[in-house]
Amino acid sequence: MFTGIIEQVGTVERMKDTGELTIFEIESGIFGDIALGDSISVNGTCLTVTEIKEGAFTVEMVNETKRITSLGSVGDGDEVNLERALTLATRLGGHIVSGHVDGTGEIMDITFDGSAMVMRIRVPEHLMKYMSLKGSVTIDGISLTLFDVQKASSEIILNLIPETQERTTLSGKTPGDLVNIEADMLMKHVEHLLEAGVKNV
């Protein structure tokens, strides 16, 4: 589990696609306490640490994850958003994030409103039911607030404060780029209970 508050931006030092899986070696920066088997959110995708070297760690991505996330387009030298799994002592500054990506969205437009970066993203239609005005969404592992939801065009509008621009990879995105989307977990669980016929939830 994660909070959607990015701890650092890391750099992919080496990427290798074997056909069976994809291996990423990522510069670890401040992550001096990671251990084999730890979960790390990489652009919002929960991956498992399989190797640790000085200043870097390795994670592996199976082909299904490659198909449903934007990590298939990440290569050597690219920057990625990183967050370690939360602990019981962690402040939950964002919202509850599983690291299980629901799909990818396409950045349609980027403008500025004062210091805020305004980003318009087209979301797969089947995920729009989870997009609630002023609710939460995870974009490339970042917990963000939905400033506008445009159902007719299947788009969401985000306002990125300067802190988010400086501490994540979103400031380097351009229209046409794909981003990983995870819908609010609580909304998905409530939907599941209602569809199962559970009353009084």
C-alpha atoms as a PDB file:
ATOM      1  CA  MET A   1       0.000   0.000   0.000  1.00  0.00           C
ATOM      2  CA  PHE A   2       1.114   3.558  -0.765  1.00  0.00           C
ATOM      3  CA  THR A   3       0.019   7.144  -0.141  1.00  0.00           C
ATOM      4  CA  GLY A   4       0.605   8.699  -3.562  1.00  0.00           C
ATOM      5  CA  ILE A   5       3.147  11.139  -2.103  1.00  0.00           C
ATOM      6  CA  ILE A   6       6.280  10.738  -4.205  1.00  0.00           C
ATOM      7  CA  GLU A   7       9.476  10.340  -2.192  1.00  0.00           C
ATOM      8  CA  GLN A   8      11.933  10.843  -5.018  1.00  0.00           C
ATOM      9  CA  VAL A   9      12.387  10.858  -8.767  1.00  0.00           C
ATOM     10  CA  GLY A  10      14.766   8.064  -9.771  1.00  0.00           C
ATOM     11  CA  THR A  11      16.538   7.350 -13.041  1.00  0.00           C
ATOM     12  CA  VAL A  12      16.363   4.075 -14.951  1.00  0.00           C
ATOM     13  CA  GLU A  13      20.028   3.148 -15.291  1.00  0.00           C
ATOM     14  CA  ARG A  14      19.338   0.017 -17.307  1.00  0.00           C
ATOM     15  CA  MET A  15      16.254  -1.589 -18.858  1.00  0.00           C
ATOM     16  CA  LYS A  16      16.214  -5.076 -20.350  1.00  0.00           C
ATOM     17  CA  ASP A  17      13.229  -6.743 -22.015  1.00  0.00           C
ATOM     18  CA  THR A  18      13.855 -10.491 -22.174  1.00  0.00           C
ATOM     19  CA  GLY A  19      10.521 -11.290 -23.794  1.00  0.00           C
ATOM     20  CA  GLU A  20       9.569 -13.191 -20.643  1.00  0.00           C
ATOM     21  CA  LEU A  21       9.740 -10.110 -18.411  1.00  0.00           C
ATOM     22  CA  THR A  22      11.232  -6.626 -18.239  1.00  0.00           C
ATOM     23  CA  ILE A  23      14.018  -5.791 -15.799  1.00  0.00           C
ATOM     24  CA  PHE A  24      14.618  -2.249 -14.552  1.00  0.00           C
ATOM     25  CA  GLU A  25      17.717  -1.182 -12.644  1.00  0.00           C
ATOM     26  CA  ILE A  26      16.853   2.114 -10.964  1.00  0.00           C
ATOM     27  CA  GLU A  27      19.069   4.624  -9.183  1.00  0.00           C
ATOM     28  CA  SER A  28      17.883   4.537  -5.576  1.00  0.00           C
ATOM     29  CA  GLY A  29      19.002   7.882  -4.181  1.00  0.00           C
ATOM     30  CA  ILE A  30      17.630   8.245  -0.649  1.00  0.00           C
ATOM     31  CA  PHE A  31      16.388   4.648  -0.410  1.00  0.00           C
ATOM     32  CA  GLY A  32      19.105   3.299   1.844  1.00  0.00           C
ATOM     33  CA  ASP A  33      16.829   0.953   3.775  1.00  0.00           C
ATOM     34  CA  ILE A  34      15.204  -1.133   1.058  1.00  0.00           C
ATOM     35  CA  ALA A  35      15.420  -4.925   1.220  1.00  0.00           C
ATOM     36  CA  LEU A  36      14.852  -7.796  -1.165  1.00  0.00           C
ATOM     37  CA  GLY A  37      11.128  -8.418  -1.571  1.00  0.00           C
ATOM     38  CA  ASP A  38      10.113  -4.846  -0.720  1.00  0.00           C
ATOM     39  CA  SER A  39       7.317  -3.252  -2.727  1.00  0.00           C
ATOM     40  CA  ILE A  40       8.212  -0.056  -4.585  1.00  0.00           C
ATOM     41  CA  SER A  41       5.794   2.112  -6.534  1.00  0.00           C
ATOM     42  CA  VAL A  42       7.370   2.940  -9.906  1.00  0.00           C
ATOM     43  CA  ASN A  43       5.209   5.483 -11.747  1.00  0.00           C
ATOM     44  CA  GLY A  44       2.303   4.166  -9.712  1.00  0.00           C
ATOM     45  CA  THR A  45       2.971   0.500 -10.459  1.00  0.00           C
ATOM     46  CA  CYS A  46       3.699  -1.766  -7.497  1.00  0.00           C
ATOM     47  CA  LEU A  47       6.859  -3.757  -8.288  1.00  0.00           C
ATOM     48  CA  THR A  48       9.029  -6.025  -6.126  1.00  0.00           C
ATOM     49  CA  VAL A  49      12.711  -5.441  -5.397  1.00  0.00           C
ATOM     50  CA  THR A  50      14.683  -8.431  -6.739  1.00  0.00           C
ATOM     51  CA  GLU A  51      18.262  -7.165  -6.418  1.00  0.00           C
ATOM     52  CA  ILE A  52      20.079  -4.416  -4.531  1.00  0.00           C
ATOM     53  CA  LYS A  53      23.353  -2.786  -5.542  1.00  0.00           C
ATOM     54  CA  GLU A  54      25.141   0.223  -4.135  1.00  0.00           C
ATOM     55  CA  GLY A  55      22.999   3.199  -5.081  1.00  0.00           C
ATOM     56  CA  ALA A  56      20.522   1.170  -7.126  1.00  0.00           C
ATOM     57  CA  PHE A  57      17.874  -1.527  -6.975  1.00  0.00           C
ATOM     58  CA  THR A  58      16.314  -3.859  -9.523  1.00  0.00           C
ATOM     59  CA  VAL A  59      12.639  -4.636 -10.113  1.00  0.00           C
ATOM     60  CA  GLU A  60      10.988  -6.943 -12.632  1.00  0.00           C
ATOM     61  CA  MET A  61       7.795  -6.389 -14.611  1.00  0.00           C
ATOM     62  CA  VAL A  62       5.770  -9.238 -16.093  1.00  0.00           C
ATOM     63  CA  ASN A  63       4.273  -8.936 -19.570  1.00  0.00           C
ATOM     64  CA  GLU A  64       0.714  -8.326 -18.329  1.00  0.00           C
ATOM     65  CA  THR A  65       1.913  -5.297 -16.349  1.00  0.00           C
ATOM     66  CA  LYS A  66       3.694  -4.070 -19.458  1.00  0.00           C
ATOM     67  CA  ARG A  67       0.454  -4.347 -21.431  1.00  0.00           C
ATOM     68  CA  ILE A  68      -1.756  -2.401 -19.015  1.00  0.00           C
ATOM     69  CA  THR A  69       0.673   0.319 -17.859  1.00  0.00           C
ATOM     70  CA  SER A  70       2.864   2.931 -19.502  1.00  0.00           C
ATOM     71  CA  LEU A  71       6.075   1.307 -18.217  1.00  0.00           C
ATOM     72  CA  GLY A  72       6.550  -0.428 -21.549  1.00  0.00           C
ATOM     73  CA  SER A  73       7.691   2.902 -22.985  1.00  0.00           C
ATOM     74  CA  VAL A  74      10.227   3.579 -20.204  1.00  0.00           C
ATOM     75  CA  GLY A  75      13.868   3.077 -21.147  1.00  0.00           C
ATOM     76  CA  ASP A  76      17.452   3.831 -20.162  1.00  0.00           C
ATOM     77  CA  GLY A  77      17.888   7.326 -18.742  1.00  0.00           C
ATOM     78  CA  ASP A  78      14.182   7.977 -18.175  1.00  0.00           C
ATOM     79  CA  GLU A  79      13.031   9.386 -14.855  1.00  0.00           C
ATOM     80  CA  VAL A  80      10.359   7.634 -12.784  1.00  0.00           C
ATOM     81  CA  ASN A  81       8.342   8.530  -9.691  1.00  0.00           C
ATOM     82  CA  LEU A  82       9.257   6.379  -6.687  1.00  0.00           C
ATOM     83  CA  GLU A  83       7.562   5.666  -3.367  1.00  0.00           C
ATOM     84  CA  ARG A  84       8.275   2.990  -0.794  1.00  0.00           C
ATOM     85  CA  ALA A  85       5.360   1.087   0.743  1.00  0.00           C
ATOM     86  CA  LEU A  86       3.760   2.865   3.691  1.00  0.00           C
ATOM     87  CA  THR A  87       4.216   1.778   7.293  1.00  0.00           C
ATOM     88  CA  LEU A  88       1.808   2.049  10.234  1.00  0.00           C
ATOM     89  CA  ALA A  89       3.773   5.117  11.328  1.00  0.00           C
ATOM     90  CA  THR A  90       3.454   6.856   7.945  1.00  0.00           C
ATOM     91  CA  ARG A  91       1.443  10.077   7.664  1.00  0.00           C
ATOM     92  CA  LEU A  92      -1.242   9.466   5.029  1.00  0.00           C
ATOM     93  CA  GLY A  93      -0.738  12.747   3.194  1.00  0.00           C
ATOM     94  CA  GLY A  94      -2.389  11.602  -0.030  1.00  0.00           C
ATOM     95  CA  HIS A  95      -4.944   8.795  -0.196  1.00  0.00           C
ATOM     96  CA  ILE A  96      -4.843   5.000  -0.035  1.00  0.00           C
ATOM     97  CA  VAL A  97      -3.097   3.708  -3.168  1.00  0.00           C
ATOM     98  CA  SER A  98      -2.601   0.042  -4.052  1.00  0.00           C
ATOM     99  CA  GLY A  99      -0.104   0.420  -6.891  1.00  0.00           C
ATOM    100  CA  HIS A 100      -2.365  -1.709  -9.111  1.00  0.00           C
ATOM    101  CA  VAL A 101      -2.796   0.346 -12.277  1.00  0.00           C
ATOM    102  CA  ASP A 102      -6.308   0.315 -13.785  1.00  0.00           C
ATOM    103  CA  GLY A 103      -5.273   1.640 -17.186  1.00  0.00           C
ATOM    104  CA  THR A 104      -3.482   4.412 -19.024  1.00  0.00           C
ATOM    105  CA  GLY A 105      -4.642   7.886 -19.945  1.00  0.00           C
ATOM    106  CA  GLU A 106      -3.428  10.284 -22.618  1.00  0.00           C
ATOM    107  CA  ILE A 107      -2.398  13.849 -21.827  1.00  0.00           C
ATOM    108  CA  MET A 108      -4.452  16.020 -24.153  1.00  0.00           C
ATOM    109  CA  ASP A 109      -3.414  19.536 -23.141  1.00  0.00           C
ATOM    110  CA  ILE A 110      -1.154  21.387 -20.691  1.00  0.00           C
ATOM    111  CA  THR A 111      -1.611  25.053 -19.793  1.00  0.00           C
ATOM    112  CA  PHE A 112      -0.797  27.282 -16.819  1.00  0.00           C
ATOM    113  CA  ASP A 113      -3.083  29.178 -14.464  1.00  0.00           C
ATOM    114  CA  GLY A 114      -0.696  31.329 -12.467  1.00  0.00           C
ATOM    115  CA  SER A 115       1.801  28.910 -10.913  1.00  0.00           C
ATOM    116  CA  ALA A 116      -0.480  25.892 -11.360  1.00  0.00           C
ATOM    117  CA  MET A 117       0.106  23.498 -14.250  1.00  0.00           C
ATOM    118  CA  VAL A 118      -3.317  22.592 -15.627  1.00  0.00           C
ATOM    119  CA  MET A 119      -3.315  19.130 -17.181  1.00  0.00           C
ATOM    120  CA  ARG A 120      -6.198  17.641 -19.174  1.00  0.00           C
ATOM    121  CA  ILE A 121      -6.122  13.855 -19.461  1.00  0.00           C
ATOM    122  CA  ARG A 122      -8.352  11.551 -21.502  1.00  0.00           C
ATOM    123  CA  VAL A 123      -9.325   8.586 -19.350  1.00  0.00           C
ATOM    124  CA  PRO A 124     -10.592   5.184 -20.548  1.00  0.00           C
ATOM    125  CA  GLU A 125     -14.393   5.309 -20.504  1.00  0.00           C
ATOM    126  CA  HIS A 126     -14.727   2.391 -18.097  1.00  0.00           C
ATOM    127  CA  LEU A 127     -12.774   4.348 -15.455  1.00  0.00           C
ATOM    128  CA  MET A 128     -14.779   7.575 -15.699  1.00  0.00           C
ATOM    129  CA  LYS A 129     -17.396   6.290 -13.236  1.00  0.00           C
ATOM    130  CA  TYR A 130     -14.725   6.509 -10.516  1.00  0.00           C
ATOM    131  CA  MET A 131     -13.815  10.115 -11.337  1.00  0.00           C
ATOM    132  CA  SER A 132     -15.592  12.364  -8.845  1.00  0.00           C
ATOM    133  CA  LEU A 133     -15.298  16.170  -8.695  1.00  0.00           C
ATOM    134  CA  LYS A 134     -12.818  17.080  -5.913  1.00  0.00           C
ATOM    135  CA  GLY A 135     -12.179  13.370  -5.395  1.00  0.00           C
ATOM    136  CA  SER A 136      -8.827  11.603  -5.658  1.00  0.00           C
ATOM    137  CA  VAL A 137      -7.005   9.896  -8.506  1.00  0.00           C
ATOM    138  CA  THR A 138      -3.496   8.482  -8.830  1.00  0.00           C
ATOM    139  CA  ILE A 139      -1.527   9.579 -11.894  1.00  0.00           C
ATOM    140  CA  ASP A 140       1.889   7.930 -12.360  1.00  0.00           C
ATOM    141  CA  GLY A 141       1.850   7.156  -8.644  1.00  0.00           C
ATOM    142  CA  ILE A 142       0.939  10.700  -7.565  1.00  0.00           C
ATOM    143  CA  SER A 143      -2.111  11.362  -5.401  1.00  0.00           C
ATOM    144  CA  LEU A 144      -3.996  14.236  -7.064  1.00  0.00           C
ATOM    145  CA  THR A 145      -7.320  16.042  -6.728  1.00  0.00           C
ATOM    146  CA  LEU A 146      -9.821  16.068  -9.585  1.00  0.00           C
ATOM    147  CA  PHE A 147     -10.520  19.746 -10.274  1.00  0.00           C
ATOM    148  CA  ASP A 148     -12.959  19.006 -13.078  1.00  0.00           C
ATOM    149  CA  VAL A 149     -14.558  15.896 -14.551  1.00  0.00           C
ATOM    150  CA  GLN A 150     -15.878  16.055 -18.108  1.00  0.00           C
ATOM    151  CA  LYS A 151     -17.962  12.939 -18.636  1.00  0.00           C
ATOM    152  CA  ALA A 152     -18.968  13.725 -22.233  1.00  0.00           C
ATOM    153  CA  SER A 153     -15.361  13.774 -23.472  1.00  0.00           C
ATOM    154  CA  SER A 154     -14.056  11.227 -20.933  1.00  0.00           C
ATOM    155  CA  GLU A 155     -11.536  13.745 -19.595  1.00  0.00           C
ATOM    156  CA  ILE A 156     -10.305  14.928 -16.215  1.00  0.00           C
ATOM    157  CA  ILE A 157      -8.653  18.220 -15.298  1.00  0.00           C
ATOM    158  CA  LEU A 158      -5.830  18.422 -12.763  1.00  0.00           C
ATOM    159  CA  ASN A 159      -4.096  21.448 -11.241  1.00  0.00           C
ATOM    160  CA  LEU A 160      -0.501  20.687 -10.255  1.00  0.00           C
ATOM    161  CA  ILE A 161       0.966  22.931  -7.568  1.00  0.00           C
ATOM    162  CA  PRO A 162       4.635  23.997  -7.880  1.00  0.00           C
ATOM    163  CA  GLU A 163       5.681  21.377  -5.290  1.00  0.00           C
ATOM    164  CA  THR A 164       4.227  18.583  -7.439  1.00  0.00           C
ATOM    165  CA  GLN A 165       5.865  20.022 -10.534  1.00  0.00           C
ATOM    166  CA  GLU A 166       9.262  20.131  -8.833  1.00  0.00           C
ATOM    167  CA  ARG A 167       9.183  16.749  -7.075  1.00  0.00           C
ATOM    168  CA  THR A 168       7.657  14.486  -9.750  1.00  0.00           C
ATOM    169  CA  THR A 169       8.041  13.663 -13.430  1.00  0.00           C
ATOM    170  CA  LEU A 170       4.782  15.323 -14.509  1.00  0.00           C
ATOM    171  CA  SER A 171       6.460  18.662 -15.264  1.00  0.00           C
ATOM    172  CA  GLY A 172       8.328  16.950 -18.100  1.00  0.00           C
ATOM    173  CA  LYS A 173       5.218  15.539 -19.763  1.00  0.00           C
ATOM    174  CA  THR A 174       3.830  16.802 -23.057  1.00  0.00           C
ATOM    175  CA  PRO A 175       0.508  16.296 -24.891  1.00  0.00           C
ATOM    176  CA  GLY A 176       0.312  12.784 -26.294  1.00  0.00           C
ATOM    177  CA  ASP A 177       2.226  11.183 -23.419  1.00  0.00           C
ATOM    178  CA  LEU A 178       0.624   8.244 -21.633  1.00  0.00           C
ATOM    179  CA  VAL A 179       0.267   8.127 -17.852  1.00  0.00           C
ATOM    180  CA  ASN A 180      -0.723   5.347 -15.457  1.00  0.00           C
ATOM    181  CA  ILE A 181      -4.113   5.756 -13.794  1.00  0.00           C
ATOM    182  CA  GLU A 182      -5.321   4.145 -10.584  1.00  0.00           C
ATOM    183  CA  ALA A 183      -8.882   4.990  -9.561  1.00  0.00           C
ATOM    184  CA  ASP A 184      -9.823   5.564  -5.927  1.00  0.00           C
ATOM    185  CA  MET A 185      -9.689   2.169  -4.232  1.00  0.00           C
ATOM    186  CA  LEU A 186     -12.530   2.924  -1.831  1.00  0.00           C
ATOM    187  CA  MET A 187     -14.885   3.774  -4.689  1.00  0.00           C
ATOM    188  CA  LYS A 188     -14.027   0.491  -6.424  1.00  0.00           C
ATOM    189  CA  HIS A 189     -14.699  -1.539  -3.275  1.00  0.00           C
ATOM    190  CA  VAL A 190     -18.029   0.187  -2.637  1.00  0.00           C
ATOM    191  CA  GLU A 191     -19.044  -0.533  -6.236  1.00  0.00           C
ATOM    192  CA  HIS A 192     -18.089  -4.183  -5.780  1.00  0.00           C
ATOM    193  CA  LEU A 193     -20.220  -4.507  -2.635  1.00  0.00           C
ATOM    194  CA  LEU A 194     -23.202  -2.844  -4.290  1.00  0.00           C
ATOM    195  CA  GLU A 195     -22.931  -5.098  -7.354  1.00  0.00           C
ATOM    196  CA  ALA A 196     -22.742  -8.111  -5.039  1.00  0.00           C
ATOM    197  CA  GLY A 197     -26.020  -7.051  -3.472  1.00  0.00           C
ATOM    198  CA  VAL A 198     -24.669  -6.152  -0.044  1.00  0.00           C
ATOM    199  CA  LYS A 199     -27.043  -3.781   1.714  1.00  0.00           C
ATOM    200  CA  ASN A 200     -26.382  -0.868   4.059  1.00  0.00           C
ATOM    201  CA  VAL A 201     -22.867  -0.081   2.859  1.00  0.00           C
END
